[in-house]
PDB file of N, CA and C in Angstrom:
ATOM      1  N   MET A   1      14.838 -13.464   9.135  1.00  0.00           N
ATOM      2  CA  MET A   1      14.148 -14.342  10.031  1.00  0.00           C
ATOM      3  C   MET A   1      13.637 -13.511  11.194  1.00  0.00           C
ATOM      4  N   LYS A   2      12.397 -13.723  11.567  1.00  0.00           N
ATOM      5  CA  LYS A   2      11.768 -12.916  12.604  1.00  0.00           C
ATOM      6  C   LYS A   2      12.244 -13.269  13.998  1.00  0.00           C
ATOM      7  N   ALA A   3      12.675 -14.493  14.202  1.00  0.00           N
ATOM      8  CA  ALA A   3      13.086 -14.910  15.548  1.00  0.00           C
ATOM      9  C   ALA A   3      14.601 -14.907  15.633  1.00  0.00           C
ATOM     10  N   SER A   4      15.127 -14.249  16.639  1.00  0.00           N
ATOM     11  CA  SER A   4      16.567 -14.318  16.845  1.00  0.00           C
ATOM     12  C   SER A   4      16.861 -15.467  17.792  1.00  0.00           C
ATOM     13  N   ILE A   5      18.089 -15.930  17.732  1.00  0.00           N
ATOM     14  CA  ILE A   5      18.460 -17.080  18.541  1.00  0.00           C
ATOM     15  C   ILE A   5      19.184 -16.598  19.792  1.00  0.00           C
ATOM     16  N   LYS A   6      18.869 -17.197  20.920  1.00  0.00           N
ATOM     17  CA  LYS A   6      19.564 -16.876  22.164  1.00  0.00           C
ATOM     18  C   LYS A   6      19.557 -18.101  23.061  1.00  0.00           C
ATOM     19  N   THR A   7      20.367 -18.047  24.086  1.00  0.00           N
ATOM     20  CA  THR A   7      20.445 -19.151  25.031  1.00  0.00           C
ATOM     21  C   THR A   7      19.366 -18.993  26.079  1.00  0.00           C
ATOM     22  N   PHE A   8      18.710 -20.083  26.382  1.00  0.00           N
ATOM     23  CA  PHE A   8      17.764 -20.064  27.489  1.00  0.00           C
ATOM     24  C   PHE A   8      17.646 -21.467  28.056  1.00  0.00           C
ATOM     25  N   GLY A   9      17.353 -21.536  29.302  1.00  0.00           N
ATOM     26  CA  GLY A   9      17.198 -22.843  29.943  1.00  0.00           C
ATOM     27  C   GLY A   9      15.747 -23.239  29.919  1.00  0.00           C
ATOM     28  N   ILE A  10      15.491 -24.443  29.523  1.00  0.00           N
ATOM     29  CA  ILE A  10      14.124 -24.944  29.538  1.00  0.00           C
ATOM     30  C   ILE A  10      13.788 -25.324  30.967  1.00  0.00           C
ATOM     31  N   ALA A  11      12.609 -24.940  31.399  1.00  0.00           N
ATOM     32  CA  ALA A  11      12.236 -25.096  32.797  1.00  0.00           C
ATOM     33  C   ALA A  11      11.977 -26.542  33.192  1.00  0.00           C
ATOM     34  N   PHE A  12      11.756 -27.388  32.215  1.00  0.00           N
ATOM     35  CA  PHE A  12      11.516 -28.781  32.556  1.00  0.00           C
ATOM     36  C   PHE A  12      12.687 -29.626  32.079  1.00  0.00           C
ATOM     37  N   THR A  13      12.784 -30.804  32.588  1.00  0.00           N
ATOM     38  CA  THR A  13      13.914 -31.677  32.261  1.00  0.00           C
ATOM     39  C   THR A  13      13.688 -32.347  30.919  1.00  0.00           C
ATOM     40  N   LEU A  14      14.682 -32.222  30.053  1.00  0.00           N
ATOM     41  CA  LEU A  14      14.683 -32.926  28.779  1.00  0.00           C
ATOM     42  C   LEU A  14      15.809 -33.935  28.838  1.00  0.00           C
ATOM     43  N   CYS A  15      15.489 -35.186  28.707  1.00  0.00           N
ATOM     44  CA  CYS A  15      16.516 -36.219  28.774  1.00  0.00           C
ATOM     45  C   CYS A  15      16.919 -36.598  27.359  1.00  0.00           C
ATOM     46  N   ILE A  16      18.186 -36.342  27.023  1.00  0.00           N
ATOM     47  CA  ILE A  16      18.645 -36.693  25.687  1.00  0.00           C
ATOM     48  C   ILE A  16      19.582 -37.884  25.706  1.00  0.00           C
ATOM     49  N   SER A  17      19.923 -38.354  26.873  1.00  0.00           N
ATOM     50  CA  SER A  17      20.694 -39.585  26.979  1.00  0.00           C
ATOM     51  C   SER A  17      20.316 -40.263  28.276  1.00  0.00           C
ATOM     52  N   SER A  18      20.570 -41.542  28.350  1.00  0.00           N
ATOM     53  CA  SER A  18      20.191 -42.263  29.560  1.00  0.00           C
ATOM     54  C   SER A  18      20.942 -41.732  30.774  1.00  0.00           C
ATOM     55  N   ALA A  19      22.186 -41.270  30.589  1.00  0.00           N
ATOM     56  CA  ALA A  19      22.942 -40.718  31.713  1.00  0.00           C
ATOM     57  C   ALA A  19      22.272 -39.456  32.236  1.00  0.00           C
ATOM     58  N   ALA A  20      21.817 -38.597  31.339  1.00  0.00           N
ATOM     59  CA  ALA A  20      21.142 -37.374  31.768  1.00  0.00           C
ATOM     60  C   ALA A  20      19.834 -37.706  32.468  1.00  0.00           C
ATOM     61  N   CYS A  21      19.097 -38.680  31.956  1.00  0.00           N
ATOM     62  CA  CYS A  21      17.834 -39.066  32.579  1.00  0.00           C
ATOM     63  C   CYS A  21      18.071 -39.647  33.965  1.00  0.00           C
ATOM     64  N   ALA A  22      19.088 -40.483  34.076  1.00  0.00           N
ATOM     65  CA  ALA A  22      19.358 -41.120  35.358  1.00  0.00           C
ATOM     66  C   ALA A  22      19.728 -40.096  36.416  1.00  0.00           C
ATOM     67  N   GLN A  23      20.401 -39.038  36.010  1.00  0.00           N
ATOM     68  CA  GLN A  23      20.824 -38.017  36.956  1.00  0.00           C
ATOM     69  C   GLN A  23      19.788 -36.913  37.097  1.00  0.00           C
ATOM     70  N   ASP A  24      18.763 -36.942  36.265  1.00  0.00           N
ATOM     71  CA  ASP A  24      17.718 -35.926  36.290  1.00  0.00           C
ATOM     72  C   ASP A  24      18.303 -34.518  36.136  1.00  0.00           C
ATOM     73  N   VAL A  25      19.183 -34.376  35.150  1.00  0.00           N
ATOM     74  CA  VAL A  25      19.868 -33.118  34.892  1.00  0.00           C
ATOM     75  C   VAL A  25      19.108 -32.351  33.812  1.00  0.00           C
ATOM     76  N   PRO A  26      18.752 -31.083  34.060  1.00  0.00           N
ATOM     77  CA  PRO A  26      18.074 -30.318  33.011  1.00  0.00           C
ATOM     78  C   PRO A  26      19.032 -30.010  31.865  1.00  0.00           C
ATOM     79  N   THR A  27      18.502 -30.014  30.667  1.00  0.00           N
ATOM     80  CA  THR A  27      19.285 -29.692  29.485  1.00  0.00           C
ATOM     81  C   THR A  27      18.992 -28.252  29.090  1.00  0.00           C
ATOM     82  N   HIS A  28      20.035 -27.469  28.925  1.00  0.00           N
ATOM     83  CA  HIS A  28      19.877 -26.086  28.477  1.00  0.00           C
ATOM     84  C   HIS A  28      20.101 -26.071  26.973  1.00  0.00           C
ATOM     85  N   MET A  29      19.168 -25.481  26.261  1.00  0.00           N
ATOM     86  CA  MET A  29      19.174 -25.547  24.811  1.00  0.00           C
ATOM     87  C   MET A  29      19.318 -24.167  24.201  1.00  0.00           C
ATOM     88  N   LEU A  30      19.946 -24.102  23.044  1.00  0.00           N
ATOM     89  CA  LEU A  30      19.974 -22.890  22.245  1.00  0.00           C
ATOM     90  C   LEU A  30      18.739 -22.928  21.361  1.00  0.00           C
ATOM     91  N   ALA A  31      17.930 -21.899  21.438  1.00  0.00           N
ATOM     92  CA  ALA A  31      16.694 -21.912  20.661  1.00  0.00           C
ATOM     93  C   ALA A  31      16.280 -20.478  20.333  1.00  0.00           C
ATOM     94  N   PHE A  32      15.006 -20.264  20.161  1.00  0.00           N
ATOM     95  CA  PHE A  32      14.464 -18.985  19.732  1.00  0.00           C
ATOM     96  C   PHE A  32      14.024 -18.145  20.925  1.00  0.00           C
ATOM     97  N   ASP A  33      13.898 -16.836  20.709  1.00  0.00           N
ATOM     98  CA  ASP A  33      13.418 -15.958  21.774  1.00  0.00           C
ATOM     99  C   ASP A  33      12.090 -16.457  22.331  1.00  0.00           C
ATOM    100  N   ASP A  34      11.218 -16.863  21.450  1.00  0.00           N
ATOM    101  CA  ASP A  34       9.926 -17.408  21.869  1.00  0.00           C
ATOM    102  C   ASP A  34       9.805 -18.814  21.309  1.00  0.00           C
ATOM    103  N   SER A  35      10.004 -19.793  22.156  1.00  0.00           N
ATOM    104  CA  SER A  35       9.916 -21.192  21.748  1.00  0.00           C
ATOM    105  C   SER A  35       8.664 -21.855  22.298  1.00  0.00           C
ATOM    106  N   SER A  36       7.676 -21.050  22.610  1.00  0.00           N
ATOM    107  CA  SER A  36       6.433 -21.583  23.170  1.00  0.00           C
ATOM    108  C   SER A  36       5.640 -22.322  22.101  1.00  0.00           C
ATOM    109  N   CYS A  37       4.762 -23.174  22.559  1.00  0.00           N
ATOM    110  CA  CYS A  37       3.878 -23.850  21.615  1.00  0.00           C
ATOM    111  C   CYS A  37       2.949 -22.853  20.915  1.00  0.00           C
ATOM    112  N   SER A  38       2.617 -21.768  21.582  1.00  0.00           N
ATOM    113  CA  SER A  38       1.789 -20.760  20.904  1.00  0.00           C
ATOM    114  C   SER A  38       2.574 -20.096  19.771  1.00  0.00           C
ATOM    115  N   ALA A  39       3.890 -19.915  19.933  1.00  0.00           N
ATOM    116  CA  ALA A  39       4.722 -19.382  18.841  1.00  0.00           C
ATOM    117  C   ALA A  39       4.761 -20.376  17.688  1.00  0.00           C
ATOM    118  N   TRP A  40       4.861 -21.668  18.020  1.00  0.00           N
ATOM    119  CA  TRP A  40       4.826 -22.700  16.986  1.00  0.00           C
ATOM    120  C   TRP A  40       3.523 -22.626  16.210  1.00  0.00           C
ATOM    121  N   LYS A  41       2.411 -22.559  16.911  1.00  0.00           N
ATOM    122  CA  LYS A  41       1.113 -22.507  16.245  1.00  0.00           C
ATOM    123  C   LYS A  41       0.994 -21.270  15.363  1.00  0.00           C
ATOM    124  N   ALA A  42       1.477 -20.135  15.851  1.00  0.00           N
ATOM    125  CA  ALA A  42       1.405 -18.891  15.076  1.00  0.00           C
ATOM    126  C   ALA A  42       2.278 -18.941  13.828  1.00  0.00           C
ATOM    127  N   SER A  43       3.301 -19.787  13.832  1.00  0.00           N
ATOM    128  CA  SER A  43       4.198 -19.857  12.681  1.00  0.00           C
ATOM    129  C   SER A  43       3.587 -20.599  11.492  1.00  0.00           C
ATOM    130  N   ALA A  44       2.417 -21.154  11.665  1.00  0.00           N
ATOM    131  CA  ALA A  44       1.780 -21.929  10.586  1.00  0.00           C
ATOM    132  C   ALA A  44       1.568 -21.087   9.332  1.00  0.00           C
ATOM    133  N   THR A  45       1.421 -19.781   9.487  1.00  0.00           N
ATOM    134  CA  THR A  45       1.196 -18.899   8.331  1.00  0.00           C
ATOM    135  C   THR A  45       2.469 -18.175   7.894  1.00  0.00           C
ATOM    136  N   ASP A  46       3.584 -18.456   8.541  1.00  0.00           N
ATOM    137  CA  ASP A  46       4.862 -17.823   8.210  1.00  0.00           C
ATOM    138  C   ASP A  46       5.829 -18.910   7.734  1.00  0.00           C
ATOM    139  N   ILE A  47       5.906 -19.083   6.428  1.00  0.00           N
ATOM    140  CA  ILE A  47       6.681 -20.183   5.842  1.00  0.00           C
ATOM    141  C   ILE A  47       8.142 -20.145   6.279  1.00  0.00           C
ATOM    142  N   ASP A  48       8.745 -18.969   6.297  1.00  0.00           N
ATOM    143  CA  ASP A  48      10.161 -18.869   6.658  1.00  0.00           C
ATOM    144  C   ASP A  48      10.403 -19.200   8.120  1.00  0.00           C
ATOM    145  N   LEU A  49       9.562 -18.697   8.999  1.00  0.00           N
ATOM    146  CA  LEU A  49       9.715 -18.971  10.422  1.00  0.00           C
ATOM    147  C   LEU A  49       9.467 -20.452  10.713  1.00  0.00           C
ATOM    148  N   ARG A  50       8.439 -21.003  10.094  1.00  0.00           N
ATOM    149  CA  ARG A  50       8.141 -22.429  10.290  1.00  0.00           C
ATOM    150  C   ARG A  50       9.323 -23.276   9.827  1.00  0.00           C
ATOM    151  N   ALA A  51       9.905 -22.913   8.685  1.00  0.00           N
ATOM    152  CA  ALA A  51      11.068 -23.650   8.180  1.00  0.00           C
ATOM    153  C   ALA A  51      12.237 -23.550   9.160  1.00  0.00           C
ATOM    154  N   ALA A  52      12.456 -22.376   9.724  1.00  0.00           N
ATOM    155  CA  ALA A  52      13.539 -22.208  10.698  1.00  0.00           C
ATOM    156  C   ALA A  52      13.310 -23.104  11.903  1.00  0.00           C
ATOM    157  N   TYR A  53      12.079 -23.153  12.390  1.00  0.00           N
ATOM    158  CA  TYR A  53      11.760 -24.011  13.529  1.00  0.00           C
ATOM    159  C   TYR A  53      12.021 -25.482  13.200  1.00  0.00           C
ATOM    160  N   LEU A  54      11.583 -25.917  12.025  1.00  0.00           N
ATOM    161  CA  LEU A  54      11.748 -27.319  11.647  1.00  0.00           C
ATOM    162  C   LEU A  54      13.220 -27.674  11.438  1.00  0.00           C
ATOM    163  N   PHE A  55      13.970 -26.761  10.843  1.00  0.00           N
ATOM    164  CA  PHE A  55      15.389 -27.039  10.635  1.00  0.00           C
ATOM    165  C   PHE A  55      16.158 -26.985  11.950  1.00  0.00           C
ATOM    166  N   TRP A  56      15.678 -26.215  12.914  1.00  0.00           N
ATOM    167  CA  TRP A  56      16.291 -26.235  14.244  1.00  0.00           C
ATOM    168  C   TRP A  56      16.154 -27.639  14.834  1.00  0.00           C
ATOM    169  N   ILE A  57      14.976 -28.233  14.691  1.00  0.00           N
ATOM    170  CA  ILE A  57      14.759 -29.584  15.218  1.00  0.00           C
ATOM    171  C   ILE A  57      15.677 -30.579  14.511  1.00  0.00           C
ATOM    172  N   ARG A  58      15.817 -30.452  13.207  1.00  0.00           N
ATOM    173  CA  ARG A  58      16.741 -31.329  12.473  1.00  0.00           C
ATOM    174  C   ARG A  58      18.166 -31.147  12.986  1.00  0.00           C
ATOM    175  N   GLY A  59      18.552 -29.917  13.264  1.00  0.00           N
ATOM    176  CA  GLY A  59      19.882 -29.650  13.807  1.00  0.00           C
ATOM    177  C   GLY A  59      20.069 -30.261  15.186  1.00  0.00           C
ATOM    178  N   TYR A  60      19.025 -30.218  16.000  1.00  0.00           N
ATOM    179  CA  TYR A  60      19.081 -30.827  17.325  1.00  0.00           C
ATOM    180  C   TYR A  60      19.335 -32.322  17.201  1.00  0.00           C
ATOM    181  N   VAL A  61      18.628 -32.959  16.279  1.00  0.00           N
ATOM    182  CA  VAL A  61      18.811 -34.398  16.079  1.00  0.00           C
ATOM    183  C   VAL A  61      20.219 -34.671  15.543  1.00  0.00           C
ATOM    184  N   SER A  62      20.742 -33.803  14.709  1.00  0.00           N
ATOM    185  CA  SER A  62      22.113 -33.971  14.224  1.00  0.00           C
ATOM    186  C   SER A  62      23.106 -33.870  15.381  1.00  0.00           C
ATOM    187  N   GLY A  63      22.868 -32.953  16.298  1.00  0.00           N
ATOM    188  CA  GLY A  63      23.713 -32.842  17.480  1.00  0.00           C
ATOM    189  C   GLY A  63      23.637 -34.089  18.343  1.00  0.00           C
ATOM    190  N   TYR A  64      22.448 -34.630  18.474  1.00  0.00           N
ATOM    191  CA  TYR A  64      22.270 -35.897  19.196  1.00  0.00           C
ATOM    192  C   TYR A  64      23.098 -36.989  18.528  1.00  0.00           C
ATOM    193  N   ASN A  65      23.021 -37.061  17.198  1.00  0.00           N
ATOM    194  CA  ASN A  65      23.769 -38.075  16.459  1.00  0.00           C
ATOM    195  C   ASN A  65      25.270 -37.948  16.718  1.00  0.00           C
ATOM    196  N   ALA A  66      25.760 -36.727  16.770  1.00  0.00           N
ATOM    197  CA  ALA A  66      27.189 -36.513  17.015  1.00  0.00           C
ATOM    198  C   ALA A  66      27.570 -36.967  18.426  1.00  0.00           C
ATOM    199  N   HIS A  67      26.660 -36.806  19.368  1.00  0.00           N
ATOM    200  CA  HIS A  67      26.918 -37.158  20.760  1.00  0.00           C
ATOM    201  C   HIS A  67      26.659 -38.639  21.048  1.00  0.00           C
ATOM    202  N   GLN A  68      25.826 -39.262  20.255  1.00  0.00           N
ATOM    203  CA  GLN A  68      25.444 -40.672  20.457  1.00  0.00           C
ATOM    204  C   GLN A  68      25.741 -41.478  19.187  1.00  0.00           C
ATOM    205  N   PRO A  69      26.995 -41.663  18.828  1.00  0.00           N
ATOM    206  CA  PRO A  69      27.301 -42.321  17.548  1.00  0.00           C
ATOM    207  C   PRO A  69      26.778 -43.749  17.429  1.00  0.00           C
ATOM    208  N   LYS A  70      26.525 -44.429  18.539  1.00  0.00           N
ATOM    209  CA  LYS A  70      26.024 -45.802  18.470  1.00  0.00           C
ATOM    210  C   LYS A  70      24.499 -45.870  18.440  1.00  0.00           C
ATOM    211  N   GLN A  71      23.827 -44.727  18.597  1.00  0.00           N
ATOM    212  CA  GLN A  71      22.359 -44.690  18.583  1.00  0.00           C
ATOM    213  C   GLN A  71      21.862 -43.613  17.634  1.00  0.00           C
ATOM    214  N   GLN A  72      22.491 -43.468  16.494  1.00  0.00           N
ATOM    215  CA  GLN A  72      22.150 -42.398  15.583  1.00  0.00           C
ATOM    216  C   GLN A  72      20.762 -42.574  14.968  1.00  0.00           C
ATOM    217  N   ILE A  73      20.146 -41.443  14.689  1.00  0.00           N
ATOM    218  CA  ILE A  73      18.877 -41.399  13.961  1.00  0.00           C
ATOM    219  C   ILE A  73      19.245 -41.148  12.498  1.00  0.00           C
ATOM    220  N   TYR A  74      19.066 -42.150  11.658  1.00  0.00           N
ATOM    221  CA  TYR A  74      19.418 -42.015  10.254  1.00  0.00           C
ATOM    222  C   TYR A  74      18.270 -41.400   9.467  1.00  0.00           C
ATOM    223  N   GLY A  75      18.618 -40.802   8.340  1.00  0.00           N
ATOM    224  CA  GLY A  75      17.663 -40.085   7.510  1.00  0.00           C
ATOM    225  C   GLY A  75      16.449 -40.884   7.095  1.00  0.00           C
ATOM    226  N   ASP A  76      16.613 -42.180   6.879  1.00  0.00           N
ATOM    227  CA  ASP A  76      15.467 -42.982   6.451  1.00  0.00           C
ATOM    228  C   ASP A  76      14.446 -43.162   7.576  1.00  0.00           C
ATOM    229  N   ARG A  77      14.851 -42.935   8.823  1.00  0.00           N
ATOM    230  CA  ARG A  77      13.931 -43.021   9.962  1.00  0.00           C
ATOM    231  C   ARG A  77      13.379 -41.657  10.349  1.00  0.00           C
ATOM    232  N   PHE A  78      14.011 -40.600   9.870  1.00  0.00           N
ATOM    233  CA  PHE A  78      13.604 -39.254  10.256  1.00  0.00           C
ATOM    234  C   PHE A  78      12.420 -38.805   9.387  1.00  0.00           C
ATOM    235  N   PRO A  79      11.398 -38.213  10.001  1.00  0.00           N
ATOM    236  CA  PRO A  79      10.230 -37.794   9.199  1.00  0.00           C
ATOM    237  C   PRO A  79      10.571 -36.645   8.250  1.00  0.00           C
ATOM    238  N   ASN A  80       9.865 -36.609   7.119  1.00  0.00           N
ATOM    239  CA  ASN A  80      10.039 -35.463   6.222  1.00  0.00           C
ATOM    240  C   ASN A  80       9.461 -34.220   6.917  1.00  0.00           C
ATOM    241  N   LEU A  81       9.642 -33.062   6.326  1.00  0.00           N
ATOM    242  CA  LEU A  81       9.256 -31.819   7.004  1.00  0.00           C
ATOM    243  C   LEU A  81       7.760 -31.734   7.287  1.00  0.00           C
ATOM    244  N   ASP A  82       6.924 -32.242   6.383  1.00  0.00           N
ATOM    245  CA  ASP A  82       5.478 -32.221   6.633  1.00  0.00           C
ATOM    246  C   ASP A  82       5.121 -33.107   7.822  1.00  0.00           C
ATOM    247  N   ALA A  83       5.692 -34.305   7.860  1.00  0.00           N
ATOM    248  CA  ALA A  83       5.421 -35.221   8.974  1.00  0.00           C
ATOM    249  C   ALA A  83       6.012 -34.671  10.272  1.00  0.00           C
ATOM    250  N   LEU A  84       7.163 -34.006  10.177  1.00  0.00           N
ATOM    251  CA  LEU A  84       7.770 -33.407  11.359  1.00  0.00           C
ATOM    252  C   LEU A  84       6.884 -32.302  11.912  1.00  0.00           C
ATOM    253  N   ALA A  85       6.313 -31.492  11.035  1.00  0.00           N
ATOM    254  CA  ALA A  85       5.399 -30.427  11.481  1.00  0.00           C
ATOM    255  C   ALA A  85       4.186 -31.032  12.196  1.00  0.00           C
ATOM    256  N   LEU A  86       3.653 -32.120  11.666  1.00  0.00           N
ATOM    257  CA  LEU A  86       2.532 -32.794  12.328  1.00  0.00           C
ATOM    258  C   LEU A  86       2.941 -33.349  13.688  1.00  0.00           C
ATOM    259  N   TYR A  87       4.166 -33.846  13.776  1.00  0.00           N
ATOM    260  CA  TYR A  87       4.671 -34.354  15.050  1.00  0.00           C
ATOM    261  C   TYR A  87       4.724 -33.223  16.086  1.00  0.00           C
ATOM    262  N   VAL A  88       5.233 -32.065  15.676  1.00  0.00           N
ATOM    263  CA  VAL A  88       5.322 -30.928  16.605  1.00  0.00           C
ATOM    264  C   VAL A  88       3.918 -30.434  16.947  1.00  0.00           C
ATOM    265  N   ASP A  89       3.007 -30.438  15.984  1.00  0.00           N
ATOM    266  CA  ASP A  89       1.610 -30.081  16.271  1.00  0.00           C
ATOM    267  C   ASP A  89       1.051 -30.960  17.386  1.00  0.00           C
ATOM    268  N   LYS A  90       1.264 -32.266  17.264  1.00  0.00           N
ATOM    269  CA  LYS A  90       0.756 -33.199  18.275  1.00  0.00           C
ATOM    270  C   LYS A  90       1.457 -32.977  19.610  1.00  0.00           C
ATOM    271  N   TYR A  91       2.773 -32.754  19.556  1.00  0.00           N
ATOM    272  CA  TYR A  91       3.513 -32.504  20.796  1.00  0.00           C
ATOM    273  C   TYR A  91       2.928 -31.289  21.512  1.00  0.00           C
ATOM    274  N   CYS A  92       2.688 -30.221  20.780  1.00  0.00           N
ATOM    275  CA  CYS A  92       2.140 -29.003  21.395  1.00  0.00           C
ATOM    276  C   CYS A  92       0.697 -29.205  21.859  1.00  0.00           C
ATOM    277  N   HIS A  93      -0.045 -30.023  21.158  1.00  0.00           N
ATOM    278  CA  HIS A  93      -1.403 -30.335  21.610  1.00  0.00           C
ATOM    279  C   HIS A  93      -1.356 -31.057  22.950  1.00  0.00           C
ATOM    280  N   ASP A  94      -0.394 -32.000  23.064  1.00  0.00           N
ATOM    281  CA  ASP A  94      -0.264 -32.802  24.282  1.00  0.00           C
ATOM    282  C   ASP A  94       0.461 -32.070  25.417  1.00  0.00           C
ATOM    283  N   HIS A  95       1.277 -31.066  25.075  1.00  0.00           N
ATOM    284  CA  HIS A  95       2.091 -30.313  26.053  1.00  0.00           C
ATOM    285  C   HIS A  95       1.968 -28.814  25.787  1.00  0.00           C
ATOM    286  N   PRO A  96       0.786 -28.238  25.889  1.00  0.00           N
ATOM    287  CA  PRO A  96       0.570 -26.849  25.453  1.00  0.00           C
ATOM    288  C   PRO A  96       1.379 -25.791  26.208  1.00  0.00           C
ATOM    289  N   PHE A  97       1.842 -26.103  27.403  1.00  0.00           N
ATOM    290  CA  PHE A  97       2.578 -25.108  28.185  1.00  0.00           C
ATOM    291  C   PHE A  97       4.086 -25.308  28.138  1.00  0.00           C
ATOM    292  N   ASP A  98       4.538 -26.296  27.389  1.00  0.00           N
ATOM    293  CA  ASP A  98       5.972 -26.548  27.238  1.00  0.00           C
ATOM    294  C   ASP A  98       6.474 -25.855  25.976  1.00  0.00           C
ATOM    295  N   PRO A  99       7.776 -25.600  25.912  1.00  0.00           N
ATOM    296  CA  PRO A  99       8.346 -25.074  24.666  1.00  0.00           C
ATOM    297  C   PRO A  99       8.242 -26.125  23.558  1.00  0.00           C
ATOM    298  N   PHE A 100       7.971 -25.672  22.343  1.00  0.00           N
ATOM    299  CA  PHE A 100       7.846 -26.626  21.236  1.00  0.00           C
ATOM    300  C   PHE A 100       9.169 -27.330  20.954  1.00  0.00           C
ATOM    301  N   VAL A 101      10.295 -26.742  21.361  1.00  0.00           N
ATOM    302  CA  VAL A 101      11.581 -27.395  21.127  1.00  0.00           C
ATOM    303  C   VAL A 101      11.704 -28.689  21.926  1.00  0.00           C
ATOM    304  N   GLY A 102      10.840 -28.889  22.911  1.00  0.00           N
ATOM    305  CA  GLY A 102      10.800 -30.154  23.632  1.00  0.00           C
ATOM    306  C   GLY A 102      10.380 -31.308  22.740  1.00  0.00           C
ATOM    307  N   ALA A 103       9.817 -30.991  21.584  1.00  0.00           N
ATOM    308  CA  ALA A 103       9.453 -32.044  20.635  1.00  0.00           C
ATOM    309  C   ALA A 103      10.693 -32.751  20.092  1.00  0.00           C
ATOM    310  N   ALA A 104      11.833 -32.072  20.067  1.00  0.00           N
ATOM    311  CA  ALA A 104      13.040 -32.672  19.499  1.00  0.00           C
ATOM    312  C   ALA A 104      13.513 -33.879  20.310  1.00  0.00           C
ATOM    313  N   PRO A 105      13.733 -33.756  21.632  1.00  0.00           N
ATOM    314  CA  PRO A 105      14.132 -34.959  22.374  1.00  0.00           C
ATOM    315  C   PRO A 105      13.019 -36.006  22.440  1.00  0.00           C
ATOM    316  N   ALA A 106      11.758 -35.565  22.424  1.00  0.00           N
ATOM    317  CA  ALA A 106      10.653 -36.526  22.402  1.00  0.00           C
ATOM    318  C   ALA A 106      10.683 -37.334  21.103  1.00  0.00           C
ATOM    319  N   LEU A 107      10.983 -36.666  19.998  1.00  0.00           N
ATOM    320  CA  LEU A 107      11.086 -37.347  18.710  1.00  0.00           C
ATOM    321  C   LEU A 107      12.221 -38.372  18.740  1.00  0.00           C
ATOM    322  N   ILE A 108      13.354 -37.984  19.300  1.00  0.00           N
ATOM    323  CA  ILE A 108      14.477 -38.915  19.407  1.00  0.00           C
ATOM    324  C   ILE A 108      14.063 -40.144  20.218  1.00  0.00           C
ATOM    325  N   ASP A 109      13.402 -39.911  21.335  1.00  0.00           N
ATOM    326  CA  ASP A 109      12.943 -41.044  22.150  1.00  0.00           C
ATOM    327  C   ASP A 109      12.007 -41.952  21.345  1.00  0.00           C
ATOM    328  N   ASP A 110      11.065 -41.332  20.636  1.00  0.00           N
ATOM    329  CA  ASP A 110      10.112 -42.120  19.842  1.00  0.00           C
ATOM    330  C   ASP A 110      10.822 -42.896  18.730  1.00  0.00           C
ATOM    331  N   LEU A 111      11.758 -42.254  18.056  1.00  0.00           N
ATOM    332  CA  LEU A 111      12.455 -42.936  16.973  1.00  0.00           C
ATOM    333  C   LEU A 111      13.359 -44.044  17.491  1.00  0.00           C
ATOM    334  N   ASN A 112      13.942 -43.848  18.665  1.00  0.00           N
ATOM    335  CA  ASN A 112      14.776 -44.897  19.255  1.00  0.00           C
ATOM    336  C   ASN A 112      13.944 -46.058  19.777  1.00  0.00           C
ATOM    337  N   ALA A 113      12.686 -45.802  20.092  1.00  0.00           N
ATOM    338  CA  ALA A 113      11.808 -46.859  20.608  1.00  0.00           C
ATOM    339  C   ALA A 113      11.292 -47.765  19.503  1.00  0.00           C
ATOM    340  N   THR A 114      11.329 -47.282  18.259  1.00  0.00           N
ATOM    341  CA  THR A 114      10.861 -48.100  17.137  1.00  0.00           C
ATOM    342  C   THR A 114      12.051 -48.815  16.512  1.00  0.00           C
ATOM    343  N   PRO A 115      11.889 -50.093  16.240  1.00  0.00           N
ATOM    344  CA  PRO A 115      13.019 -50.873  15.666  1.00  0.00           C
ATOM    345  C   PRO A 115      13.339 -50.490  14.243  1.00  0.00           C
TER     346      PRO A 115
END
């Protein structure tokens, strides 16, 4: 895998629970050396790297599920990998200067907003 994993703090606030949002606490995430939207876009031609990015997002949602057992995102509501890639594409289009990993909590919010 071309990207190694390391700890870094995202410069903007990601709210993964209502308590975190209410307190306006930044979430520090484990992600890739380069989690920029430009790195996401460049991964379109690298099948292995793109898969790693997408599975990282799935892992993030799994971590959310473990932390929020009463608000879990079940597999039937979770997009398949092609739809997930399109979701991240749109997220990066709408937030070009944010890390693409910000799509993970945004996806959770969107999935929780739909009945």
